[in-house]
PDB file of N, CA and C in Angstrom:
ATOM      1  N   MET A   1    -129.940 197.756  -4.970  1.00  0.00           N
ATOM      2  CA  MET A   1    -128.814 197.806  -5.883  1.00  0.00           C
ATOM      3  C   MET A   1    -129.248 197.485  -7.312  1.00  0.00           C
ATOM      4  N   ASP A   2    -130.193 196.582  -7.471  1.00  0.00           N
ATOM      5  CA  ASP A   2    -130.665 196.229  -8.812  1.00  0.00           C
ATOM      6  C   ASP A   2    -131.300 197.423  -9.522  1.00  0.00           C
ATOM      7  N   THR A   3    -131.992 198.263  -8.761  1.00  0.00           N
ATOM      8  CA  THR A   3    -132.624 199.447  -9.356  1.00  0.00           C
ATOM      9  C   THR A   3    -131.568 200.436  -9.848  1.00  0.00           C
ATOM     10  N   VAL A   4    -130.533 200.629  -9.064  1.00  0.00           N
ATOM     11  CA  VAL A   4    -129.458 201.554  -9.456  1.00  0.00           C
ATOM     12  C   VAL A   4    -128.757 201.047 -10.710  1.00  0.00           C
ATOM     13  N   ILE A   5    -128.511 199.743 -10.769  1.00  0.00           N
ATOM     14  CA  ILE A   5    -127.857 199.161 -11.946  1.00  0.00           C
ATOM     15  C   ILE A   5    -128.731 199.318 -13.172  1.00  0.00           C
ATOM     16  N   LEU A   6    -130.028 199.074 -13.025  1.00  0.00           N
ATOM     17  CA  LEU A   6    -130.947 199.223 -14.160  1.00  0.00           C
ATOM     18  C   LEU A   6    -130.998 200.668 -14.641  1.00  0.00           C
ATOM     19  N   ILE A   7    -131.086 201.607 -13.725  1.00  0.00           N
ATOM     20  CA  ILE A   7    -131.140 203.020 -14.105  1.00  0.00           C
ATOM     21  C   ILE A   7    -129.856 203.438 -14.813  1.00  0.00           C
ATOM     22  N   SER A   8    -128.711 202.995 -14.300  1.00  0.00           N
ATOM     23  CA  SER A   8    -127.447 203.371 -14.945  1.00  0.00           C
ATOM     24  C   SER A   8    -127.318 202.730 -16.325  1.00  0.00           C
ATOM     25  N   GLN A   9    -127.798 201.506 -16.495  1.00  0.00           N
ATOM     26  CA  GLN A   9    -127.753 200.882 -17.814  1.00  0.00           C
ATOM     27  C   GLN A   9    -128.664 201.605 -18.804  1.00  0.00           C
ATOM     28  N   VAL A  10    -129.827 202.031 -18.352  1.00  0.00           N
ATOM     29  CA  VAL A  10    -130.739 202.762 -19.245  1.00  0.00           C
ATOM     30  C   VAL A  10    -130.141 204.109 -19.652  1.00  0.00           C
ATOM     31  N   ILE A  11    -129.571 204.822 -18.685  1.00  0.00           N
ATOM     32  CA  ILE A  11    -128.972 206.127 -18.992  1.00  0.00           C
ATOM     33  C   ILE A  11    -127.783 205.976 -19.935  1.00  0.00           C
ATOM     34  N   MET A  12    -126.941 204.968 -19.694  1.00  0.00           N
ATOM     35  CA  MET A  12    -125.798 204.760 -20.588  1.00  0.00           C
ATOM     36  C   MET A  12    -126.238 204.269 -21.961  1.00  0.00           C
ATOM     37  N   GLY A  13    -127.314 203.500 -22.019  1.00  0.00           N
ATOM     38  CA  GLY A  13    -127.861 203.098 -23.320  1.00  0.00           C
ATOM     39  C   GLY A  13    -128.357 204.301 -24.108  1.00  0.00           C
ATOM     40  N   LEU A  14    -129.033 205.223 -23.422  1.00  0.00           N
ATOM     41  CA  LEU A  14    -129.478 206.454 -24.074  1.00  0.00           C
ATOM     42  C   LEU A  14    -128.285 207.291 -24.535  1.00  0.00           C
ATOM     43  N   ALA A  15    -127.237 207.326 -23.715  1.00  0.00           N
ATOM     44  CA  ALA A  15    -126.022 208.052 -24.107  1.00  0.00           C
ATOM     45  C   ALA A  15    -125.393 207.423 -25.342  1.00  0.00           C
ATOM     46  N   LEU A  16    -125.418 206.094 -25.439  1.00  0.00           N
ATOM     47  CA  LEU A  16    -124.875 205.426 -26.630  1.00  0.00           C
ATOM     48  C   LEU A  16    -125.663 205.810 -27.880  1.00  0.00           C
ATOM     49  N   VAL A  17    -126.983 205.852 -27.770  1.00  0.00           N
ATOM     50  CA  VAL A  17    -127.803 206.214 -28.926  1.00  0.00           C
ATOM     51  C   VAL A  17    -127.510 207.646 -29.365  1.00  0.00           C
ATOM     52  N   LEU A  18    -127.453 208.566 -28.404  1.00  0.00           N
ATOM     53  CA  LEU A  18    -127.180 209.962 -28.753  1.00  0.00           C
ATOM     54  C   LEU A  18    -125.766 210.147 -29.301  1.00  0.00           C
ATOM     55  N   THR A  19    -124.818 209.406 -28.777  1.00  0.00           N
ATOM     56  CA  THR A  19    -123.454 209.482 -29.289  1.00  0.00           C
ATOM     57  C   THR A  19    -123.366 208.932 -30.702  1.00  0.00           C
ATOM     58  N   PHE A  20    -124.114 207.853 -30.969  1.00  0.00           N
ATOM     59  CA  PHE A  20    -124.127 207.306 -32.321  1.00  0.00           C
ATOM     60  C   PHE A  20    -124.712 208.313 -33.314  1.00  0.00           C
ATOM     61  N   VAL A  21    -125.720 209.051 -32.884  1.00  0.00           N
ATOM     62  CA  VAL A  21    -126.281 210.096 -33.751  1.00  0.00           C
ATOM     63  C   VAL A  21    -125.212 211.148 -34.053  1.00  0.00           C
ATOM     64  N   ARG A  22    -124.423 211.512 -33.045  1.00  0.00           N
ATOM     65  CA  ARG A  22    -123.362 212.503 -33.258  1.00  0.00           C
ATOM     66  C   ARG A  22    -122.285 211.964 -34.194  1.00  0.00           C
ATOM     67  N   VAL A  23    -121.981 210.667 -34.098  1.00  0.00           N
ATOM     68  CA  VAL A  23    -120.987 210.073 -34.994  1.00  0.00           C
ATOM     69  C   VAL A  23    -121.484 210.130 -36.433  1.00  0.00           C
ATOM     70  N   VAL A  24    -122.759 209.858 -36.641  1.00  0.00           N
ATOM     71  CA  VAL A  24    -123.306 209.815 -37.993  1.00  0.00           C
ATOM     72  C   VAL A  24    -123.467 211.221 -38.573  1.00  0.00           C
ATOM     73  N   ARG A  25    -123.968 212.155 -37.780  1.00  0.00           N
ATOM     74  CA  ARG A  25    -124.291 213.486 -38.310  1.00  0.00           C
ATOM     75  C   ARG A  25    -123.105 214.441 -38.368  1.00  0.00           C
ATOM     76  N   GLY A  26    -122.124 214.238 -37.573  1.00  0.00           N
ATOM     77  CA  GLY A  26    -120.934 215.083 -37.659  1.00  0.00           C
ATOM     78  C   GLY A  26    -121.002 216.295 -36.769  1.00  0.00           C
ATOM     79  N   PRO A  27    -120.772 217.455 -37.192  1.00  0.00           N
ATOM     80  CA  PRO A  27    -120.670 218.046 -38.513  1.00  0.00           C
ATOM     81  C   PRO A  27    -119.280 217.959 -39.146  1.00  0.00           C
ATOM     82  N   SER A  28    -118.246 217.708 -38.363  1.00  0.00           N
ATOM     83  CA  SER A  28    -116.921 217.629 -38.965  1.00  0.00           C
ATOM     84  C   SER A  28    -116.213 216.363 -38.458  1.00  0.00           C
ATOM     85  N   LEU A  29    -115.113 216.041 -39.090  1.00  0.00           N
ATOM     86  CA  LEU A  29    -114.371 214.839 -38.721  1.00  0.00           C
ATOM     87  C   LEU A  29    -113.834 214.887 -37.289  1.00  0.00           C
ATOM     88  N   PRO A  30    -113.287 216.011 -36.819  1.00  0.00           N
ATOM     89  CA  PRO A  30    -112.863 216.043 -35.412  1.00  0.00           C
ATOM     90  C   PRO A  30    -114.014 215.813 -34.428  1.00  0.00           C
ATOM     91  N   ASP A  31    -115.199 216.310 -34.759  1.00  0.00           N
ATOM     92  CA  ASP A  31    -116.358 216.049 -33.909  1.00  0.00           C
ATOM     93  C   ASP A  31    -116.700 214.564 -33.883  1.00  0.00           C
ATOM     94  N   ARG A  32    -116.562 213.908 -34.997  1.00  0.00           N
ATOM     95  CA  ARG A  32    -116.821 212.474 -35.056  1.00  0.00           C
ATOM     96  C   ARG A  32    -115.790 211.693 -34.245  1.00  0.00           C
ATOM     97  N   VAL A  33    -114.543 212.139 -34.258  1.00  0.00           N
ATOM     98  CA  VAL A  33    -113.494 211.476 -33.483  1.00  0.00           C
ATOM     99  C   VAL A  33    -113.802 211.588 -31.980  1.00  0.00           C
ATOM    100  N   VAL A  34    -114.202 212.752 -31.538  1.00  0.00           N
ATOM    101  CA  VAL A  34    -114.559 212.942 -30.133  1.00  0.00           C
ATOM    102  C   VAL A  34    -115.766 212.082 -29.772  1.00  0.00           C
ATOM    103  N   ALA A  35    -116.732 211.985 -30.678  1.00  0.00           N
ATOM    104  CA  ALA A  35    -117.908 211.147 -30.423  1.00  0.00           C
ATOM    105  C   ALA A  35    -117.535 209.671 -30.349  1.00  0.00           C
ATOM    106  N   LEU A  36    -116.592 209.232 -31.164  1.00  0.00           N
ATOM    107  CA  LEU A  36    -116.138 207.843 -31.082  1.00  0.00           C
ATOM    108  C   LEU A  36    -115.448 207.568 -29.752  1.00  0.00           C
ATOM    109  N   GLU A  37    -114.675 208.522 -29.267  1.00  0.00           N
ATOM    110  CA  GLU A  37    -114.039 208.363 -27.961  1.00  0.00           C
ATOM    111  C   GLU A  37    -115.096 208.279 -26.857  1.00  0.00           C
ATOM    112  N   LEU A  38    -116.108 209.112 -26.934  1.00  0.00           N
ATOM    113  CA  LEU A  38    -117.198 209.057 -25.966  1.00  0.00           C
ATOM    114  C   LEU A  38    -117.954 207.743 -26.064  1.00  0.00           C
ATOM    115  N   PHE A  39    -118.123 207.244 -27.285  1.00  0.00           N
ATOM    116  CA  PHE A  39    -118.806 205.965 -27.498  1.00  0.00           C
ATOM    117  C   PHE A  39    -118.051 204.832 -26.800  1.00  0.00           C
ATOM    118  N   SER A  40    -116.739 204.783 -26.984  1.00  0.00           N
ATOM    119  CA  SER A  40    -115.961 203.715 -26.349  1.00  0.00           C
ATOM    120  C   SER A  40    -115.951 203.867 -24.830  1.00  0.00           C
ATOM    121  N   THR A  41    -115.926 205.085 -24.334  1.00  0.00           N
ATOM    122  CA  THR A  41    -115.971 205.309 -22.892  1.00  0.00           C
ATOM    123  C   THR A  41    -117.300 204.844 -22.301  1.00  0.00           C
ATOM    124  N   THR A  42    -118.383 205.105 -23.008  1.00  0.00           N
ATOM    125  CA  THR A  42    -119.694 204.669 -22.541  1.00  0.00           C
ATOM    126  C   THR A  42    -119.812 203.149 -22.568  1.00  0.00           C
ATOM    127  N   VAL A  43    -119.243 202.521 -23.581  1.00  0.00           N
ATOM    128  CA  VAL A  43    -119.255 201.054 -23.637  1.00  0.00           C
ATOM    129  C   VAL A  43    -118.452 200.474 -22.470  1.00  0.00           C
ATOM    130  N   VAL A  44    -117.341 201.101 -22.131  1.00  0.00           N
ATOM    131  CA  VAL A  44    -116.554 200.656 -20.979  1.00  0.00           C
ATOM    132  C   VAL A  44    -117.391 200.771 -19.701  1.00  0.00           C
ATOM    133  N   GLY A  45    -118.133 201.847 -19.570  1.00  0.00           N
ATOM    134  CA  GLY A  45    -119.014 202.008 -18.414  1.00  0.00           C
ATOM    135  C   GLY A  45    -120.087 200.940 -18.351  1.00  0.00           C
ATOM    136  N   LEU A  46    -120.672 200.631 -19.507  1.00  0.00           N
ATOM    137  CA  LEU A  46    -121.693 199.582 -19.545  1.00  0.00           C
ATOM    138  C   LEU A  46    -121.117 198.219 -19.177  1.00  0.00           C
ATOM    139  N   VAL A  47    -119.949 197.917 -19.689  1.00  0.00           N
ATOM    140  CA  VAL A  47    -119.309 196.634 -19.358  1.00  0.00           C
ATOM    141  C   VAL A  47    -118.974 196.595 -17.870  1.00  0.00           C
ATOM    142  N   GLY A  48    -118.520 197.701 -17.318  1.00  0.00           N
ATOM    143  CA  GLY A  48    -118.225 197.763 -15.894  1.00  0.00           C
ATOM    144  C   GLY A  48    -119.452 197.548 -15.027  1.00  0.00           C
ATOM    145  N   VAL A  49    -120.555 198.169 -15.399  1.00  0.00           N
ATOM    146  CA  VAL A  49    -121.797 197.986 -14.648  1.00  0.00           C
ATOM    147  C   VAL A  49    -122.280 196.545 -14.771  1.00  0.00           C
ATOM    148  N   TYR A  50    -122.134 195.975 -15.957  1.00  0.00           N
ATOM    149  CA  TYR A  50    -122.526 194.580 -16.128  1.00  0.00           C
ATOM    150  C   TYR A  50    -121.634 193.650 -15.308  1.00  0.00           C
ATOM    151  N   ALA A  51    -120.344 193.982 -15.182  1.00  0.00           N
ATOM    152  CA  ALA A  51    -119.437 193.187 -14.349  1.00  0.00           C
ATOM    153  C   ALA A  51    -119.865 193.243 -12.891  1.00  0.00           C
ATOM    154  N   ILE A  52    -120.298 194.397 -12.439  1.00  0.00           N
ATOM    155  CA  ILE A  52    -120.799 194.516 -11.064  1.00  0.00           C
ATOM    156  C   ILE A  52    -122.076 193.706 -10.893  1.00  0.00           C
ATOM    157  N   GLN A  53    -122.949 193.788 -11.888  1.00  0.00           N
ATOM    158  CA  GLN A  53    -124.225 193.079 -11.800  1.00  0.00           C
ATOM    159  C   GLN A  53    -124.035 191.561 -11.788  1.00  0.00           C
ATOM    160  N   SER A  54    -123.176 191.075 -12.655  1.00  0.00           N
ATOM    161  CA  SER A  54    -123.012 189.629 -12.780  1.00  0.00           C
ATOM    162  C   SER A  54    -122.013 189.059 -11.770  1.00  0.00           C
ATOM    163  N   GLY A  55    -121.127 189.882 -11.255  1.00  0.00           N
ATOM    164  CA  GLY A  55    -120.126 189.407 -10.312  1.00  0.00           C
ATOM    165  C   GLY A  55    -118.948 188.706 -10.957  1.00  0.00           C
ATOM    166  N   VAL A  56    -118.839 188.787 -12.287  1.00  0.00           N
ATOM    167  CA  VAL A  56    -117.742 188.156 -13.015  1.00  0.00           C
ATOM    168  C   VAL A  56    -116.677 189.220 -13.268  1.00  0.00           C
ATOM    169  N   SER A  57    -115.516 189.040 -12.654  1.00  0.00           N
ATOM    170  CA  SER A  57    -114.489 190.072 -12.743  1.00  0.00           C
ATOM    171  C   SER A  57    -113.740 190.060 -14.080  1.00  0.00           C
ATOM    172  N   SER A  58    -113.877 189.005 -14.868  1.00  0.00           N
ATOM    173  CA  SER A  58    -113.167 188.977 -16.151  1.00  0.00           C
ATOM    174  C   SER A  58    -113.755 189.972 -17.155  1.00  0.00           C
ATOM    175  N   PHE A  59    -114.967 190.457 -16.903  1.00  0.00           N
ATOM    176  CA  PHE A  59    -115.514 191.508 -17.762  1.00  0.00           C
ATOM    177  C   PHE A  59    -114.717 192.806 -17.624  1.00  0.00           C
ATOM    178  N   LEU A  60    -114.097 192.994 -16.479  1.00  0.00           N
ATOM    179  CA  LEU A  60    -113.277 194.190 -16.291  1.00  0.00           C
ATOM    180  C   LEU A  60    -112.036 194.164 -17.183  1.00  0.00           C
ATOM    181  N   ASP A  61    -111.522 192.971 -17.440  1.00  0.00           N
ATOM    182  CA  ASP A  61    -110.411 192.847 -18.389  1.00  0.00           C
ATOM    183  C   ASP A  61    -110.847 193.284 -19.785  1.00  0.00           C
ATOM    184  N   ALA A  62    -112.051 192.876 -20.168  1.00  0.00           N
ATOM    185  CA  ALA A  62    -112.586 193.293 -21.470  1.00  0.00           C
ATOM    186  C   ALA A  62    -112.789 194.801 -21.511  1.00  0.00           C
ATOM    187  N   ALA A  63    -113.228 195.384 -20.403  1.00  0.00           N
ATOM    188  CA  ALA A  63    -113.420 196.835 -20.355  1.00  0.00           C
ATOM    189  C   ALA A  63    -112.089 197.566 -20.517  1.00  0.00           C
ATOM    190  N   ILE A  64    -111.036 197.033 -19.924  1.00  0.00           N
ATOM    191  CA  ILE A  64    -109.716 197.653 -20.057  1.00  0.00           C
ATOM    192  C   ILE A  64    -109.240 197.586 -21.507  1.00  0.00           C
ATOM    193  N   VAL A  65    -109.463 196.456 -22.157  1.00  0.00           N
ATOM    194  CA  VAL A  65    -109.066 196.315 -23.565  1.00  0.00           C
ATOM    195  C   VAL A  65    -109.847 197.287 -24.441  1.00  0.00           C
ATOM    196  N   ILE A  66    -111.148 197.418 -24.202  1.00  0.00           N
ATOM    197  CA  ILE A  66    -111.973 198.351 -24.982  1.00  0.00           C
ATOM    198  C   ILE A  66    -111.494 199.779 -24.773  1.00  0.00           C
ATOM    199  N   ALA A  67    -111.160 200.130 -23.535  1.00  0.00           N
ATOM    200  CA  ALA A  67    -110.679 201.485 -23.249  1.00  0.00           C
ATOM    201  C   ALA A  67    -109.359 201.766 -23.957  1.00  0.00           C
ATOM    202  N   LEU A  68    -108.445 200.806 -23.937  1.00  0.00           N
ATOM    203  CA  LEU A  68    -107.165 201.002 -24.617  1.00  0.00           C
ATOM    204  C   LEU A  68    -107.334 201.117 -26.125  1.00  0.00           C
ATOM    205  N   MET A  69    -108.213 200.298 -26.699  1.00  0.00           N
ATOM    206  CA  MET A  69    -108.428 200.376 -28.148  1.00  0.00           C
ATOM    207  C   MET A  69    -109.072 201.703 -28.539  1.00  0.00           C
ATOM    208  N   GLY A  70    -110.006 202.188 -27.731  1.00  0.00           N
ATOM    209  CA  GLY A  70    -110.613 203.488 -28.009  1.00  0.00           C
ATOM    210  C   GLY A  70    -109.611 204.614 -27.909  1.00  0.00           C
ATOM    211  N   PHE A  71    -108.734 204.536 -26.926  1.00  0.00           N
ATOM    212  CA  PHE A  71    -107.697 205.548 -26.764  1.00  0.00           C
ATOM    213  C   PHE A  71    -106.733 205.549 -27.946  1.00  0.00           C
ATOM    214  N   LEU A  72    -106.302 204.372 -28.356  1.00  0.00           N
ATOM    215  CA  LEU A  72    -105.375 204.289 -29.491  1.00  0.00           C
ATOM    216  C   LEU A  72    -106.030 204.743 -30.791  1.00  0.00           C
ATOM    217  N   ALA A  73    -107.321 204.447 -30.954  1.00  0.00           N
ATOM    218  CA  ALA A  73    -108.025 204.918 -32.153  1.00  0.00           C
ATOM    219  C   ALA A  73    -108.112 206.437 -32.170  1.00  0.00           C
ATOM    220  N   ALA A  74    -108.391 207.037 -31.024  1.00  0.00           N
ATOM    221  CA  ALA A  74    -108.456 208.504 -30.955  1.00  0.00           C
ATOM    222  C   ALA A  74    -107.103 209.131 -31.261  1.00  0.00           C
ATOM    223  N   ILE A  75    -106.034 208.531 -30.759  1.00  0.00           N
ATOM    224  CA  ILE A  75    -104.694 209.049 -31.057  1.00  0.00           C
ATOM    225  C   ILE A  75    -104.384 208.899 -32.548  1.00  0.00           C
ATOM    226  N   GLY A  76    -104.766 207.780 -33.131  1.00  0.00           N
ATOM    227  CA  GLY A  76    -104.537 207.574 -34.561  1.00  0.00           C
ATOM    228  C   GLY A  76    -105.272 208.592 -35.413  1.00  0.00           C
ATOM    229  N   PHE A  77    -106.533 208.854 -35.075  1.00  0.00           N
ATOM    230  CA  PHE A  77    -107.292 209.860 -35.826  1.00  0.00           C
ATOM    231  C   PHE A  77    -106.694 211.251 -35.628  1.00  0.00           C
ATOM    232  N   ALA A  78    -106.251 211.559 -34.412  1.00  0.00           N
ATOM    233  CA  ALA A  78    -105.661 212.877 -34.163  1.00  0.00           C
ATOM    234  C   ALA A  78    -104.371 213.060 -34.956  1.00  0.00           C
ATOM    235  N   ARG A  79    -103.560 212.027 -35.007  1.00  0.00           N
ATOM    236  CA  ARG A  79    -102.320 212.118 -35.801  1.00  0.00           C
ATOM    237  C   ARG A  79    -102.630 212.276 -37.286  1.00  0.00           C
ATOM    238  N   PHE A  80    -103.667 211.567 -37.751  1.00  0.00           N
ATOM    239  CA  PHE A  80    -104.085 211.672 -39.140  1.00  0.00           C
ATOM    240  C   PHE A  80    -104.513 213.101 -39.466  1.00  0.00           C
ATOM    241  N   LEU A  81    -105.309 213.692 -38.583  1.00  0.00           N
ATOM    242  CA  LEU A  81    -105.757 215.060 -38.816  1.00  0.00           C
ATOM    243  C   LEU A  81    -104.606 216.058 -38.691  1.00  0.00           C
ATOM    244  N   GLU A  82    -103.687 215.782 -37.776  1.00  0.00           N
ATOM    245  CA  GLU A  82    -102.552 216.676 -37.587  1.00  0.00           C
ATOM    246  C   GLU A  82    -101.652 216.712 -38.816  1.00  0.00           C
ATOM    247  N   ARG A  83    -101.527 215.607 -39.501  1.00  0.00           N
ATOM    248  CA  ARG A  83    -100.660 215.531 -40.670  1.00  0.00           C
ATOM    249  C   ARG A  83    -101.340 216.019 -41.946  1.00  0.00           C
ATOM    250  N   GLY A  84    -102.529 216.591 -41.805  1.00  0.00           N
ATOM    251  CA  GLY A  84    -103.164 217.193 -42.963  1.00  0.00           C
ATOM    252  C   GLY A  84    -104.161 216.313 -43.663  1.00  0.00           C
ATOM    253  N   GLY A  85    -104.786 215.391 -42.955  1.00  0.00           N
ATOM    254  CA  GLY A  85    -105.805 214.550 -43.543  1.00  0.00           C
ATOM    255  C   GLY A  85    -107.023 215.365 -43.959  1.00  0.00           C
ATOM    256  N   PRO A  86    -107.908 214.794 -44.758  1.00  0.00           N
ATOM    257  CA  PRO A  86    -109.080 215.545 -45.196  1.00  0.00           C
ATOM    258  C   PRO A  86    -109.971 215.924 -44.034  1.00  0.00           C
ATOM    259  N   ARG A  87    -110.464 217.166 -44.069  1.00  0.00           N
ATOM    260  CA  ARG A  87    -111.324 217.668 -43.007  1.00  0.00           C
ATOM    261  C   ARG A  87    -112.628 218.115 -43.602  1.00  0.00           C
ATOM    262  N   ASP A  88    -113.662 218.105 -42.784  1.00  0.00           N
ATOM    263  CA  ASP A  88    -115.000 218.536 -43.212  1.00  0.00           C
ATOM    264  C   ASP A  88    -115.345 219.902 -42.677  1.00  0.00           C
ATOM    265  N   ASP A  89    -114.345 220.669 -42.251  1.00  0.00           N
ATOM    266  CA  ASP A  89    -114.626 221.962 -41.598  1.00  0.00           C
ATOM    267  C   ASP A  89    -115.369 222.819 -42.510  1.00  0.00           C
TER     268      ASP A  89
END
């Protein structure tokens, strides 16, 4: 089980790095919003795997909060773009 947890943490860490590159490089604001949503989802996955590894269930509460905040941020950005916010298209 320790090997599976380590492999999943490494893969999710690599996904975080690649997602951060997408957030920085763009090419447009909607692409950055999608990358931020993916970033928060990957962080939730990492926290979940760490909760399994450590056996502390309160980390799952933190993962739920992170997921909700990422969801609300994505909705906020989508509403901003829908109302005619600046775009990089």
